[in-house]
Protein backbone atom coordinates (compact mmCIF):
# COMPACT_ATOMS: atom_id res chain seq x y z
CA UNK A 1 19.29 10.04 -6.83
CA UNK A 2 21.47 8.58 -4.07
CA UNK A 3 21.19 10.17 -0.65
CA UNK A 4 24.18 8.38 0.83
CA UNK A 5 27.17 6.73 -0.79
CA UNK A 6 27.86 3.32 0.75
CA UNK A 7 31.32 2.65 2.18
CA UNK A 8 33.02 -0.17 4.09
CA UNK A 9 32.18 1.57 7.39
CA UNK A 10 28.59 2.38 6.43
CA UNK A 11 27.25 -0.02 3.76
CA UNK A 12 23.72 1.37 4.02
CA UNK A 13 22.30 3.67 1.39
CA UNK A 14 18.96 5.04 0.36
CA UNK A 15 18.15 5.38 -3.30
CA UNK A 16 14.87 6.69 -4.67
CA UNK A 17 13.93 5.56 -8.15
CA UNK A 18 11.13 7.34 -9.96
CA UNK A 19 9.55 6.00 -13.12
CA UNK A 20 6.73 7.37 -15.19
CA UNK A 21 4.48 4.50 -16.24
CA UNK A 22 1.15 4.15 -17.96
CA UNK A 23 -1.44 2.33 -15.84
CA UNK A 24 -4.80 0.87 -16.87
CA UNK A 25 -7.97 2.87 -16.15
CA UNK A 26 -9.67 0.04 -14.26
CA UNK A 27 -8.22 -0.83 -10.86
CA UNK A 28 -8.73 -4.55 -11.39
CA UNK A 29 -6.05 -4.56 -14.13
CA UNK A 30 -3.35 -2.83 -12.06
CA UNK A 31 -0.13 -4.86 -11.86
CA UNK A 32 1.98 -5.80 -8.86
CA UNK A 33 5.30 -4.10 -8.20
CA UNK A 34 7.91 -6.85 -7.75
CA UNK A 35 11.11 -5.91 -5.92
CA UNK A 36 14.31 -7.95 -5.79
CA UNK A 37 17.17 -6.91 -3.50
CA UNK A 38 20.58 -8.09 -4.66
CA UNK A 39 24.11 -7.78 -3.29
CA UNK A 40 27.28 -7.70 -5.36
CA UNK A 41 30.62 -8.68 -3.80
CA UNK A 42 34.19 -8.54 -5.11
CA UNK A 43 33.40 -6.28 -8.04
CA UNK A 44 30.45 -8.36 -9.20
CA UNK A 45 32.22 -11.72 -8.97
CA UNK A 46 29.69 -12.92 -6.37
CA UNK A 47 26.05 -11.88 -6.66
CA UNK A 48 23.53 -12.77 -3.98
CA UNK A 49 19.78 -12.37 -3.84
CA UNK A 50 19.00 -10.88 -0.42
CA UNK A 51 15.25 -10.50 -0.61
CA UNK A 52 12.11 -10.31 -2.64
CA UNK A 53 8.84 -8.41 -2.14
CA UNK A 54 5.66 -7.88 -4.11
CA UNK A 55 3.49 -4.79 -3.61
CA UNK A 56 0.06 -4.29 -5.14
CA UNK A 57 0.01 -0.99 -7.05
CA UNK A 58 -3.67 -0.66 -6.19
CA UNK A 59 -2.75 -0.28 -2.50
CA UNK A 60 -0.41 2.59 -3.35
CA UNK A 61 -2.95 4.48 -5.46
CA UNK A 62 -6.25 4.29 -3.62
CA UNK A 63 -6.86 2.82 -0.20
CA UNK A 64 -10.64 2.77 -0.71
CA UNK A 65 -10.40 1.03 -4.07
CA UNK A 66 -8.09 -1.61 -2.61
CA UNK A 67 -10.41 -2.21 0.33
CA UNK A 68 -13.51 -2.63 -1.86
CA UNK A 69 -11.65 -4.91 -4.28
CA UNK A 70 -10.56 -7.29 -1.50
CA UNK A 71 -13.91 -7.52 0.31
CA UNK A 72 -16.47 -10.21 -0.45
CA UNK A 73 -20.12 -9.20 -1.08
CA UNK A 74 -21.02 -10.37 2.44
CA UNK A 75 -18.28 -8.21 3.95
CA UNK A 76 -19.43 -5.22 1.90
CA UNK A 77 -23.00 -5.71 3.17
CA UNK A 78 -21.77 -5.96 6.78
CA UNK A 79 -19.73 -2.79 6.32
CA UNK A 80 -22.78 -0.93 4.96
CA UNK A 81 -24.93 -2.11 7.88
CA UNK A 82 -22.31 -0.98 10.39
CA UNK A 83 -22.03 2.43 8.73
CA UNK A 84 -25.82 2.85 8.87
CA UNK A 85 -25.85 1.84 12.54
CA UNK A 86 -23.14 4.37 13.36
CA UNK A 87 -25.16 7.11 11.65
CA UNK A 88 -28.28 6.12 13.60
CA UNK A 89 -26.36 6.19 16.90
CA UNK A 90 -25.01 9.65 16.08
CA UNK A 91 -28.56 10.88 15.36
CA UNK A 92 -29.83 9.42 18.66
CA UNK A 93 -27.01 11.11 20.58
CA UNK A 94 -27.82 14.44 18.94
CA UNK A 95 -31.51 14.09 19.93
CA UNK A 96 -30.54 13.27 23.51
CA UNK A 97 -28.23 16.29 23.68
CA UNK A 98 -31.01 18.54 22.36
CA UNK A 99 -33.36 17.36 25.12
CA UNK A 100 -30.82 18.33 27.78
């Protein structure tokens, strides 16, 4: 569905493409979404590749799953220690507020 028709005065357009795809159940098997941006001049006589991008589908689906997948075991342990420390600090603050 095109939201704007490109013209010589305004060559920009926004087009949203929606596809229904089957994805694997396990996040580790999710594919990458590869995008190629092409330009066509003179009725298709000249075709240029303007850009290329690759997006991990995992990042689009679940931020937490992507974060855990990319972290090493040491980083996961550090993250758990930091979370426990934050909880302990919150408990100490609550006790101090109760005393006042």
